[in-house]
C-alpha atoms as a PDB file:
ATOM      1  CA  UNK A   1      52.606  14.279  14.778  1.00  0.00           C
ATOM      2  CA  UNK A   2      52.310  17.877  13.488  1.00  0.00           C
ATOM      3  CA  UNK A   3      48.855  19.328  12.885  1.00  0.00           C
ATOM      4  CA  UNK A   4      49.898  20.566   9.414  1.00  0.00           C
ATOM      5  CA  UNK A   5      48.592  18.459   6.567  1.00  0.00           C
ATOM      6  CA  UNK A   6      50.635  17.645   3.437  1.00  0.00           C
ATOM      7  CA  UNK A   7      50.122  19.568   0.211  1.00  0.00           C
ATOM      8  CA  UNK A   8      48.941  16.329  -1.492  1.00  0.00           C
ATOM      9  CA  UNK A   9      47.333  13.212  -0.059  1.00  0.00           C
ATOM     10  CA  UNK A  10      45.784  10.060  -1.542  1.00  0.00           C
ATOM     11  CA  UNK A  11      43.749   7.207  -0.147  1.00  0.00           C
ATOM     12  CA  UNK A  12      45.134   4.632  -2.650  1.00  0.00           C
ATOM     13  CA  UNK A  13      47.939   2.564  -1.015  1.00  0.00           C
ATOM     14  CA  UNK A  14      49.707   2.277  -4.429  1.00  0.00           C
ATOM     15  CA  UNK A  15      50.148   6.076  -4.614  1.00  0.00           C
ATOM     16  CA  UNK A  16      53.363   7.775  -3.579  1.00  0.00           C
ATOM     17  CA  UNK A  17      51.167  10.352  -1.771  1.00  0.00           C
ATOM     18  CA  UNK A  18      49.520   7.695   0.509  1.00  0.00           C
ATOM     19  CA  UNK A  19      50.081   8.139   4.265  1.00  0.00           C
ATOM     20  CA  UNK A  20      48.355   5.480   6.424  1.00  0.00           C
ATOM     21  CA  UNK A  21      49.183   7.091   9.754  1.00  0.00           C
ATOM     22  CA  UNK A  22      47.711  10.449   8.713  1.00  0.00           C
ATOM     23  CA  UNK A  23      44.582   8.860   7.222  1.00  0.00           C
ATOM     24  CA  UNK A  24      43.894   7.054  10.533  1.00  0.00           C
ATOM     25  CA  UNK A  25      43.432  10.568  12.058  1.00  0.00           C
ATOM     26  CA  UNK A  26      40.333  11.057   9.860  1.00  0.00           C
ATOM     27  CA  UNK A  27      41.206  13.787   7.357  1.00  0.00           C
ATOM     28  CA  UNK A  28      38.305  15.866   6.024  1.00  0.00           C
ATOM     29  CA  UNK A  29      38.225  18.015   2.920  1.00  0.00           C
ATOM     30  CA  UNK A  30      36.338  21.302   2.402  1.00  0.00           C
ATOM     31  CA  UNK A  31      36.095  22.007  -1.329  1.00  0.00           C
ATOM     32  CA  UNK A  32      34.791  25.453  -2.346  1.00  0.00           C
ATOM     33  CA  UNK A  33      33.322  25.827   1.182  1.00  0.00           C
ATOM     34  CA  UNK A  34      31.450  22.465   1.148  1.00  0.00           C
ATOM     35  CA  UNK A  35      32.660  19.382   3.066  1.00  0.00           C
ATOM     36  CA  UNK A  36      33.183  16.417   0.762  1.00  0.00           C
ATOM     37  CA  UNK A  37      33.162  12.846   1.921  1.00  0.00           C
ATOM     38  CA  UNK A  38      34.069  11.038  -1.334  1.00  0.00           C
ATOM     39  CA  UNK A  39      37.521  12.570  -2.051  1.00  0.00           C
ATOM     40  CA  UNK A  40      40.093  10.046  -3.350  1.00  0.00           C
ATOM     41  CA  UNK A  41      42.984  12.491  -3.630  1.00  0.00           C
ATOM     42  CA  UNK A  42      43.668  16.219  -3.188  1.00  0.00           C
ATOM     43  CA  UNK A  43      46.346  18.826  -3.966  1.00  0.00           C
ATOM     44  CA  UNK A  44      46.173  22.180  -2.187  1.00  0.00           C
ATOM     45  CA  UNK A  45      48.815  24.035  -4.180  1.00  0.00           C
ATOM     46  CA  UNK A  46      47.293  23.157  -7.562  1.00  0.00           C
ATOM     47  CA  UNK A  47      43.691  23.496  -6.270  1.00  0.00           C
ATOM     48  CA  UNK A  48      42.058  20.216  -7.263  1.00  0.00           C
ATOM     49  CA  UNK A  49      40.437  17.075  -5.823  1.00  0.00           C
ATOM     50  CA  UNK A  50      39.729  13.664  -7.384  1.00  0.00           C
ATOM     51  CA  UNK A  51      36.323  12.098  -6.617  1.00  0.00           C
ATOM     52  CA  UNK A  52      34.787   8.845  -7.722  1.00  0.00           C
ATOM     53  CA  UNK A  53      32.600   9.108 -10.844  1.00  0.00           C
ATOM     54  CA  UNK A  54      29.572   7.230  -9.629  1.00  0.00           C
ATOM     55  CA  UNK A  55      29.889   3.454  -9.462  1.00  0.00           C
ATOM     56  CA  UNK A  56      32.046   3.235 -12.620  1.00  0.00           C
ATOM     57  CA  UNK A  57      35.131   0.974 -12.435  1.00  0.00           C
ATOM     58  CA  UNK A  58      38.096   0.422 -14.720  1.00  0.00           C
ATOM     59  CA  UNK A  59      39.088  -3.087 -15.902  1.00  0.00           C
ATOM     60  CA  UNK A  60      41.150  -3.563 -12.729  1.00  0.00           C
ATOM     61  CA  UNK A  61      38.230  -2.829 -10.357  1.00  0.00           C
ATOM     62  CA  UNK A  62      39.487   0.668  -9.392  1.00  0.00           C
ATOM     63  CA  UNK A  63      37.029   3.594  -9.163  1.00  0.00           C
ATOM     64  CA  UNK A  64      37.067   5.851 -12.151  1.00  0.00           C
ATOM     65  CA  UNK A  65      37.744   9.422 -10.864  1.00  0.00           C
ATOM     66  CA  UNK A  66      37.195  12.913 -12.101  1.00  0.00           C
ATOM     67  CA  UNK A  67      39.268  15.981 -11.243  1.00  0.00           C
ATOM     68  CA  UNK A  68      37.467  19.047  -9.882  1.00  0.00           C
ATOM     69  CA  UNK A  69      39.255  22.410  -9.587  1.00  0.00           C
ATOM     70  CA  UNK A  70      38.564  24.906  -6.807  1.00  0.00           C
ATOM     71  CA  UNK A  71      39.605  25.906  -3.300  1.00  0.00           C
ATOM     72  CA  UNK A  72      40.850  22.931  -1.249  1.00  0.00           C
ATOM     73  CA  UNK A  73      40.939  23.058   2.558  1.00  0.00           C
ATOM     74  CA  UNK A  74      42.000  19.836   4.338  1.00  0.00           C
ATOM     75  CA  UNK A  75      41.416  19.489   8.096  1.00  0.00           C
ATOM     76  CA  UNK A  76      41.547  16.866  10.796  1.00  0.00           C
ATOM     77  CA  UNK A  77      37.992  15.832  11.911  1.00  0.00           C
ATOM     78  CA  UNK A  78      37.462  15.614  15.701  1.00  0.00           C
ATOM     79  CA  UNK A  79      40.680  17.218  16.923  1.00  0.00           C
ATOM     80  CA  UNK A  80      42.171  15.164  19.837  1.00  0.00           C
ATOM     81  CA  UNK A  81      41.788  16.719  23.319  1.00  0.00           C
ATOM     82  CA  UNK A  82      44.797  18.227  25.009  1.00  0.00           C
END
């Protein structure tokens, strides 16, 4: 698999931007220079991330998210050896 990450990625299996194989590689997100661990979705070209808004849930049990704008830098945590 290539080391380049897609422009947009989501952790929700219902999303068209979901990629299970890539998420197994442990993708990390640096947002405005700070590593975030609660990112639900990101888009590099548009410069935004979606994060859960506390413990709030919608009527279907999905986390309510908010969109934050800024510099998005995805990376693979713990690069494989070799």
